[in-house]
């Protein structure tokens, strides 16, 4: 089971100034990250998702997170 605050902190530290919310969608290993970050400006959706996944990839690799749904936007 993923620690939601740990996941939120990892993403927030990787994207300074971002607004990050992480919610459990099912059973603690299916999560949704809602992220608004200035770093997303001008990036494709795929590149935005890569920026969100990178800091938590180790949790996906070890099975702590089975699925991560991402909603990415720029603040505004």
PDB file of N, CA and C in Angstrom:
ATOM      1  N   UNK A   1       0.842  -1.184   0.000  1.00  0.00           N
ATOM      2  CA  UNK A   1       0.000   0.000   0.000  1.00  0.00           C
ATOM      3  C   UNK A   1       0.884   1.243   0.000  1.00  0.00           C
ATOM      4  N   UNK A   2       0.603   2.139  -0.902  1.00  0.00           N
ATOM      5  CA  UNK A   2       1.391   3.361  -1.037  1.00  0.00           C
ATOM      6  C   UNK A   2       1.020   4.369   0.046  1.00  0.00           C
ATOM      7  N   UNK A   3       2.014   5.080   0.522  1.00  0.00           N
ATOM      8  CA  UNK A   3       1.820   6.189   1.444  1.00  0.00           C
ATOM      9  C   UNK A   3       1.527   7.428   0.593  1.00  0.00           C
ATOM     10  N   UNK A   4       0.280   7.879   0.609  1.00  0.00           N
ATOM     11  CA  UNK A   4      -0.141   8.980  -0.256  1.00  0.00           C
ATOM     12  C   UNK A   4       0.671  10.248  -0.028  1.00  0.00           C
ATOM     13  N   UNK A   5       0.995  10.543   1.224  1.00  0.00           N
ATOM     14  CA  UNK A   5       1.771  11.750   1.520  1.00  0.00           C
ATOM     15  C   UNK A   5       3.192  11.627   0.970  1.00  0.00           C
ATOM     16  N   UNK A   6       3.769  10.426   1.046  1.00  0.00           N
ATOM     17  CA  UNK A   6       5.098  10.204   0.486  1.00  0.00           C
ATOM     18  C   UNK A   6       5.081  10.429  -1.032  1.00  0.00           C
ATOM     19  N   UNK A   7       4.088   9.896  -1.708  1.00  0.00           N
ATOM     20  CA  UNK A   7       3.968  10.054  -3.152  1.00  0.00           C
ATOM     21  C   UNK A   7       3.788  11.530  -3.495  1.00  0.00           C
ATOM     22  N   UNK A   8       2.920  12.224  -2.761  1.00  0.00           N
ATOM     23  CA  UNK A   8       2.691  13.649  -2.994  1.00  0.00           C
ATOM     24  C   UNK A   8       3.991  14.432  -2.812  1.00  0.00           C
ATOM     25  N   UNK A   9       4.725  14.144  -1.755  1.00  0.00           N
ATOM     26  CA  UNK A   9       5.974  14.843  -1.462  1.00  0.00           C
ATOM     27  C   UNK A   9       7.019  14.599  -2.544  1.00  0.00           C
ATOM     28  N   UNK A  10       7.155  13.365  -3.002  1.00  0.00           N
ATOM     29  CA  UNK A  10       8.133  13.062  -4.052  1.00  0.00           C
ATOM     30  C   UNK A  10       7.839  13.853  -5.324  1.00  0.00           C
ATOM     31  N   UNK A  11       6.575  13.913  -5.701  1.00  0.00           N
ATOM     32  CA  UNK A  11       6.197  14.654  -6.907  1.00  0.00           C
ATOM     33  C   UNK A  11       6.415  16.152  -6.694  1.00  0.00           C
ATOM     34  N   UNK A  12       5.992  16.664  -5.542  1.00  0.00           N
ATOM     35  CA  UNK A  12       6.127  18.096  -5.249  1.00  0.00           C
ATOM     36  C   UNK A  12       7.594  18.528  -5.210  1.00  0.00           C
ATOM     37  N   UNK A  13       8.464  17.692  -4.669  1.00  0.00           N
ATOM     38  CA  UNK A  13       9.885  18.032  -4.609  1.00  0.00           C
ATOM     39  C   UNK A  13      10.515  18.036  -5.999  1.00  0.00           C
ATOM     40  N   UNK A  14      10.030  17.169  -6.889  1.00  0.00           N
ATOM     41  CA  UNK A  14      10.564  17.105  -8.246  1.00  0.00           C
ATOM     42  C   UNK A  14      10.065  18.264  -9.117  1.00  0.00           C
ATOM     43  N   UNK A  15       8.931  18.848  -8.715  1.00  0.00           N
ATOM     44  CA  UNK A  15       8.324  19.947  -9.483  1.00  0.00           C
ATOM     45  C   UNK A  15       8.066  21.132  -8.553  1.00  0.00           C
ATOM     46  N   UNK A  16       9.121  21.859  -8.191  1.00  0.00           N
ATOM     47  CA  UNK A  16       8.961  22.982  -7.259  1.00  0.00           C
ATOM     48  C   UNK A  16       7.895  23.966  -7.734  1.00  0.00           C
ATOM     49  N   UNK A  17       7.050  24.364  -6.808  1.00  0.00           N
ATOM     50  CA  UNK A  17       5.986  25.301  -7.121  1.00  0.00           C
ATOM     51  C   UNK A  17       4.702  24.652  -7.616  1.00  0.00           C
ATOM     52  N   UNK A  18       4.722  23.331  -7.761  1.00  0.00           N
ATOM     53  CA  UNK A  18       3.539  22.617  -8.255  1.00  0.00           C
ATOM     54  C   UNK A  18       2.504  22.440  -7.153  1.00  0.00           C
ATOM     55  N   UNK A  19       1.245  22.385  -7.576  1.00  0.00           N
ATOM     56  CA  UNK A  19       0.152  21.998  -6.695  1.00  0.00           C
ATOM     57  C   UNK A  19      -0.097  20.518  -6.966  1.00  0.00           C
ATOM     58  N   UNK A  20       0.004  19.698  -5.915  1.00  0.00           N
ATOM     59  CA  UNK A  20      -0.077  18.248  -6.089  1.00  0.00           C
ATOM     60  C   UNK A  20      -1.102  17.665  -5.135  1.00  0.00           C
ATOM     61  N   UNK A  21      -1.987  16.855  -5.682  1.00  0.00           N
ATOM     62  CA  UNK A  21      -2.946  16.098  -4.879  1.00  0.00           C
ATOM     63  C   UNK A  21      -2.854  14.653  -5.329  1.00  0.00           C
ATOM     64  N   UNK A  22      -2.780  13.734  -4.365  1.00  0.00           N
ATOM     65  CA  UNK A  22      -2.739  12.303  -4.671  1.00  0.00           C
ATOM     66  C   UNK A  22      -3.870  11.632  -3.915  1.00  0.00           C
ATOM     67  N   UNK A  23      -4.673  10.861  -4.635  1.00  0.00           N
ATOM     68  CA  UNK A  23      -5.796  10.163  -4.012  1.00  0.00           C
ATOM     69  C   UNK A  23      -5.735   8.679  -4.350  1.00  0.00           C
ATOM     70  N   UNK A  24      -6.244   7.891  -3.417  1.00  0.00           N
ATOM     71  CA  UNK A  24      -6.329   6.441  -3.575  1.00  0.00           C
ATOM     72  C   UNK A  24      -7.609   6.132  -4.341  1.00  0.00           C
ATOM     73  N   UNK A  25      -7.464   5.495  -5.495  1.00  0.00           N
ATOM     74  CA  UNK A  25      -8.634   5.150  -6.289  1.00  0.00           C
ATOM     75  C   UNK A  25      -9.151   3.749  -5.999  1.00  0.00           C
ATOM     76  N   UNK A  26      -8.263   2.866  -5.496  1.00  0.00           N
ATOM     77  CA  UNK A  26      -8.706   1.499  -5.217  1.00  0.00           C
ATOM     78  C   UNK A  26      -7.621   0.725  -4.491  1.00  0.00           C
ATOM     79  N   UNK A  27      -7.859   0.413  -3.240  1.00  0.00           N
ATOM     80  CA  UNK A  27      -7.007  -0.508  -2.499  1.00  0.00           C
ATOM     81  C   UNK A  27      -5.601  -0.087  -2.156  1.00  0.00           C
ATOM     82  N   UNK A  28      -5.258   1.169  -2.342  1.00  0.00           N
ATOM     83  CA  UNK A  28      -3.948   1.640  -1.919  1.00  0.00           C
ATOM     84  C   UNK A  28      -2.842   1.519  -2.951  1.00  0.00           C
ATOM     85  N   UNK A  29      -3.084   0.825  -4.072  1.00  0.00           N
ATOM     86  CA  UNK A  29      -2.031   0.726  -5.077  1.00  0.00           C
ATOM     87  C   UNK A  29      -2.452   1.267  -6.445  1.00  0.00           C
ATOM     88  N   UNK A  30      -3.692   1.753  -6.549  1.00  0.00           N
ATOM     89  CA  UNK A  30      -4.180   2.435  -7.748  1.00  0.00           C
ATOM     90  C   UNK A  30      -4.423   3.893  -7.355  1.00  0.00           C
ATOM     91  N   UNK A  31      -3.543   4.767  -7.825  1.00  0.00           N
ATOM     92  CA  UNK A  31      -3.568   6.152  -7.378  1.00  0.00           C
ATOM     93  C   UNK A  31      -3.873   7.100  -8.531  1.00  0.00           C
ATOM     94  N   UNK A  32      -4.350   8.288  -8.167  1.00  0.00           N
ATOM     95  CA  UNK A  32      -4.544   9.384  -9.122  1.00  0.00           C
ATOM     96  C   UNK A  32      -3.763  10.578  -8.594  1.00  0.00           C
ATOM     97  N   UNK A  33      -2.934  11.140  -9.471  1.00  0.00           N
ATOM     98  CA  UNK A  33      -2.189  12.349  -9.141  1.00  0.00           C
ATOM     99  C   UNK A  33      -2.747  13.493  -9.975  1.00  0.00           C
ATOM    100  N   UNK A  34      -3.150  14.549  -9.300  1.00  0.00           N
ATOM    101  CA  UNK A  34      -3.624  15.760  -9.964  1.00  0.00           C
ATOM    102  C   UNK A  34      -2.544  16.808  -9.721  1.00  0.00           C
ATOM    103  N   UNK A  35      -1.896  17.236 -10.809  1.00  0.00           N
ATOM    104  CA  UNK A  35      -0.722  18.097 -10.679  1.00  0.00           C
ATOM    105  C   UNK A  35      -0.856  19.305 -11.595  1.00  0.00           C
ATOM    106  N   UNK A  36      -0.707  20.484 -11.015  1.00  0.00           N
ATOM    107  CA  UNK A  36      -0.643  21.739 -11.779  1.00  0.00           C
ATOM    108  C   UNK A  36       0.753  22.309 -11.536  1.00  0.00           C
ATOM    109  N   UNK A  37       1.555  22.352 -12.598  1.00  0.00           N
ATOM    110  CA  UNK A  37       2.945  22.776 -12.438  1.00  0.00           C
ATOM    111  C   UNK A  37       3.360  23.722 -13.558  1.00  0.00           C
ATOM    112  N   UNK A  38       4.089  24.770 -13.207  1.00  0.00           N
ATOM    113  CA  UNK A  38       4.571  25.696 -14.236  1.00  0.00           C
ATOM    114  C   UNK A  38       5.535  25.010 -15.207  1.00  0.00           C
ATOM    115  N   UNK A  39       6.196  23.951 -14.771  1.00  0.00           N
ATOM    116  CA  UNK A  39       7.140  23.228 -15.627  1.00  0.00           C
ATOM    117  C   UNK A  39       6.460  22.571 -16.826  1.00  0.00           C
ATOM    118  N   UNK A  40       5.138  22.428 -16.794  1.00  0.00           N
ATOM    119  CA  UNK A  40       4.414  21.786 -17.887  1.00  0.00           C
ATOM    120  C   UNK A  40       4.206  22.700 -19.094  1.00  0.00           C
ATOM    121  N   UNK A  41       4.437  23.993 -18.906  1.00  0.00           N
ATOM    122  CA  UNK A  41       4.207  24.961 -19.976  1.00  0.00           C
ATOM    123  C   UNK A  41       4.971  24.560 -21.234  1.00  0.00           C
ATOM    124  N   UNK A  42       4.246  24.402 -22.332  1.00  0.00           N
ATOM    125  CA  UNK A  42       4.853  24.087 -23.615  1.00  0.00           C
ATOM    126  C   UNK A  42       5.194  22.624 -23.843  1.00  0.00           C
ATOM    127  N   UNK A  43       4.961  21.774 -22.858  1.00  0.00           N
ATOM    128  CA  UNK A  43       5.276  20.350 -22.995  1.00  0.00           C
ATOM    129  C   UNK A  43       4.077  19.566 -23.500  1.00  0.00           C
ATOM    130  N   UNK A  44       4.360  18.467 -24.191  1.00  0.00           N
ATOM    131  CA  UNK A  44       3.289  17.560 -24.603  1.00  0.00           C
ATOM    132  C   UNK A  44       2.741  16.855 -23.366  1.00  0.00           C
ATOM    133  N   UNK A  45       1.564  16.292 -23.504  1.00  0.00           N
ATOM    134  CA  UNK A  45       0.954  15.546 -22.399  1.00  0.00           C
ATOM    135  C   UNK A  45       1.862  14.390 -21.959  1.00  0.00           C
ATOM    136  N   UNK A  46       2.479  13.724 -22.916  1.00  0.00           N
ATOM    137  CA  UNK A  46       3.379  12.610 -22.594  1.00  0.00           C
ATOM    138  C   UNK A  46       4.552  13.104 -21.753  1.00  0.00           C
ATOM    139  N   UNK A  47       5.155  14.216 -22.144  1.00  0.00           N
ATOM    140  CA  UNK A  47       6.282  14.755 -21.379  1.00  0.00           C
ATOM    141  C   UNK A  47       5.848  15.225 -19.992  1.00  0.00           C
ATOM    142  N   UNK A  48       4.649  15.786 -19.877  1.00  0.00           N
ATOM    143  CA  UNK A  48       4.119  16.171 -18.564  1.00  0.00           C
ATOM    144  C   UNK A  48       4.000  14.933 -17.674  1.00  0.00           C
ATOM    145  N   UNK A  49       3.454  13.862 -18.214  1.00  0.00           N
ATOM    146  CA  UNK A  49       3.274  12.629 -17.446  1.00  0.00           C
ATOM    147  C   UNK A  49       4.621  12.031 -17.049  1.00  0.00           C
ATOM    148  N   UNK A  50       5.602  12.131 -17.928  1.00  0.00           N
ATOM    149  CA  UNK A  50       6.946  11.626 -17.591  1.00  0.00           C
ATOM    150  C   UNK A  50       7.525  12.374 -16.388  1.00  0.00           C
ATOM    151  N   UNK A  51       7.304  13.695 -16.343  1.00  0.00           N
ATOM    152  CA  UNK A  51       7.811  14.481 -15.211  1.00  0.00           C
ATOM    153  C   UNK A  51       7.150  14.063 -13.898  1.00  0.00           C
ATOM    154  N   UNK A  52       5.878  13.687 -13.961  1.00  0.00           N
ATOM    155  CA  UNK A  52       5.162  13.263 -12.750  1.00  0.00           C
ATOM    156  C   UNK A  52       5.588  11.847 -12.338  1.00  0.00           C
ATOM    157  N   UNK A  53       5.762  10.966 -13.300  1.00  0.00           N
ATOM    158  CA  UNK A  53       6.098   9.573 -12.986  1.00  0.00           C
ATOM    159  C   UNK A  53       7.537   9.383 -12.516  1.00  0.00           C
ATOM    160  N   UNK A  54       8.459  10.174 -13.042  1.00  0.00           N
ATOM    161  CA  UNK A  54       9.880   9.975 -12.751  1.00  0.00           C
ATOM    162  C   UNK A  54      10.199   9.867 -11.254  1.00  0.00           C
ATOM    163  N   UNK A  55       9.709  10.773 -10.413  1.00  0.00           N
ATOM    164  CA  UNK A  55      10.097  10.687  -9.000  1.00  0.00           C
ATOM    165  C   UNK A  55       9.461   9.527  -8.233  1.00  0.00           C
ATOM    166  N   UNK A  56       8.454   8.890  -8.802  1.00  0.00           N
ATOM    167  CA  UNK A  56       7.804   7.755  -8.108  1.00  0.00           C
ATOM    168  C   UNK A  56       8.014   6.435  -8.852  1.00  0.00           C
ATOM    169  N   UNK A  57       8.854   6.459  -9.883  1.00  0.00           N
ATOM    170  CA  UNK A  57       9.060   5.252 -10.684  1.00  0.00           C
ATOM    171  C   UNK A  57       9.530   4.071  -9.837  1.00  0.00           C
ATOM    172  N   UNK A  58      10.381   4.344  -8.852  1.00  0.00           N
ATOM    173  CA  UNK A  58      10.868   3.244  -8.006  1.00  0.00           C
ATOM    174  C   UNK A  58       9.721   2.565  -7.257  1.00  0.00           C
ATOM    175  N   UNK A  59       8.675   3.306  -6.907  1.00  0.00           N
ATOM    176  CA  UNK A  59       7.512   2.723  -6.227  1.00  0.00           C
ATOM    177  C   UNK A  59       6.657   1.912  -7.191  1.00  0.00           C
ATOM    178  N   UNK A  60       6.712   2.260  -8.460  1.00  0.00           N
ATOM    179  CA  UNK A  60       6.014   1.474  -9.467  1.00  0.00           C
ATOM    180  C   UNK A  60       6.818   0.204  -9.773  1.00  0.00           C
ATOM    181  N   UNK A  61       8.127   0.351  -9.832  1.00  0.00           N
ATOM    182  CA  UNK A  61       8.992  -0.793 -10.124  1.00  0.00           C
ATOM    183  C   UNK A  61       8.916  -1.869  -9.046  1.00  0.00           C
ATOM    184  N   UNK A  62       8.791  -1.447  -7.772  1.00  0.00           N
ATOM    185  CA  UNK A  62       8.745  -2.449  -6.692  1.00  0.00           C
ATOM    186  C   UNK A  62       7.331  -2.929  -6.372  1.00  0.00           C
ATOM    187  N   UNK A  63       6.331  -2.414  -7.108  1.00  0.00           N
ATOM    188  CA  UNK A  63       4.961  -2.886  -6.939  1.00  0.00           C
ATOM    189  C   UNK A  63       4.147  -2.145  -5.894  1.00  0.00           C
ATOM    190  N   UNK A  64       4.740  -1.172  -5.215  1.00  0.00           N
ATOM    191  CA  UNK A  64       3.993  -0.396  -4.227  1.00  0.00           C
ATOM    192  C   UNK A  64       2.825   0.323  -4.899  1.00  0.00           C
ATOM    193  N   UNK A  65       3.105   0.879  -6.081  1.00  0.00           N
ATOM    194  CA  UNK A  65       2.050   1.502  -6.892  1.00  0.00           C
ATOM    195  C   UNK A  65       1.843   0.617  -8.119  1.00  0.00           C
ATOM    196  N   UNK A  66       0.639   0.129  -8.270  1.00  0.00           N
ATOM    197  CA  UNK A  66       0.321  -0.707  -9.430  1.00  0.00           C
ATOM    198  C   UNK A  66      -0.100   0.152 -10.627  1.00  0.00           C
ATOM    199  N   UNK A  67      -0.859   1.208 -10.368  1.00  0.00           N
ATOM    200  CA  UNK A  67      -1.338   2.089 -11.429  1.00  0.00           C
ATOM    201  C   UNK A  67      -1.347   3.524 -10.937  1.00  0.00           C
ATOM    202  N   UNK A  68      -0.945   4.434 -11.823  1.00  0.00           N
ATOM    203  CA  UNK A  68      -0.946   5.849 -11.496  1.00  0.00           C
ATOM    204  C   UNK A  68      -1.621   6.606 -12.631  1.00  0.00           C
ATOM    205  N   UNK A  69      -2.787   7.124 -12.352  1.00  0.00           N
ATOM    206  CA  UNK A  69      -3.510   7.958 -13.298  1.00  0.00           C
ATOM    207  C   UNK A  69      -3.093   9.403 -13.040  1.00  0.00           C
ATOM    208  N   UNK A  70      -2.844  10.148 -14.126  1.00  0.00           N
ATOM    209  CA  UNK A  70      -2.320  11.506 -13.980  1.00  0.00           C
ATOM    210  C   UNK A  70      -3.208  12.510 -14.696  1.00  0.00           C
ATOM    211  N   UNK A  71      -3.539  13.584 -13.971  1.00  0.00           N
ATOM    212  CA  UNK A  71      -4.180  14.753 -14.560  1.00  0.00           C
ATOM    213  C   UNK A  71      -3.181  15.885 -14.406  1.00  0.00           C
ATOM    214  N   UNK A  72      -2.636  16.362 -15.532  1.00  0.00           N
ATOM    215  CA  UNK A  72      -1.607  17.387 -15.496  1.00  0.00           C
ATOM    216  C   UNK A  72      -2.102  18.658 -16.176  1.00  0.00           C
ATOM    217  N   UNK A  73      -1.745  19.794 -15.585  1.00  0.00           N
ATOM    218  CA  UNK A  73      -2.120  21.076 -16.164  1.00  0.00           C
ATOM    219  C   UNK A  73      -1.110  22.128 -15.702  1.00  0.00           C
ATOM    220  N   UNK A  74      -1.179  23.296 -16.329  1.00  0.00           N
ATOM    221  CA  UNK A  74      -0.388  24.418 -15.850  1.00  0.00           C
ATOM    222  C   UNK A  74      -1.267  25.220 -14.905  1.00  0.00           C
ATOM    223  N   UNK A  75      -0.666  25.862 -13.905  1.00  0.00           N
ATOM    224  CA  UNK A  75      -1.470  26.654 -12.971  1.00  0.00           C
ATOM    225  C   UNK A  75      -2.149  27.807 -13.701  1.00  0.00           C
ATOM    226  N   UNK A  76      -3.278  28.152 -13.188  1.00  0.00           N
ATOM    227  CA  UNK A  76      -3.907  29.281 -13.840  1.00  0.00           C
ATOM    228  C   UNK A  76      -5.306  29.396 -13.455  1.00  0.00           C
TER     229      UNK A  76
END
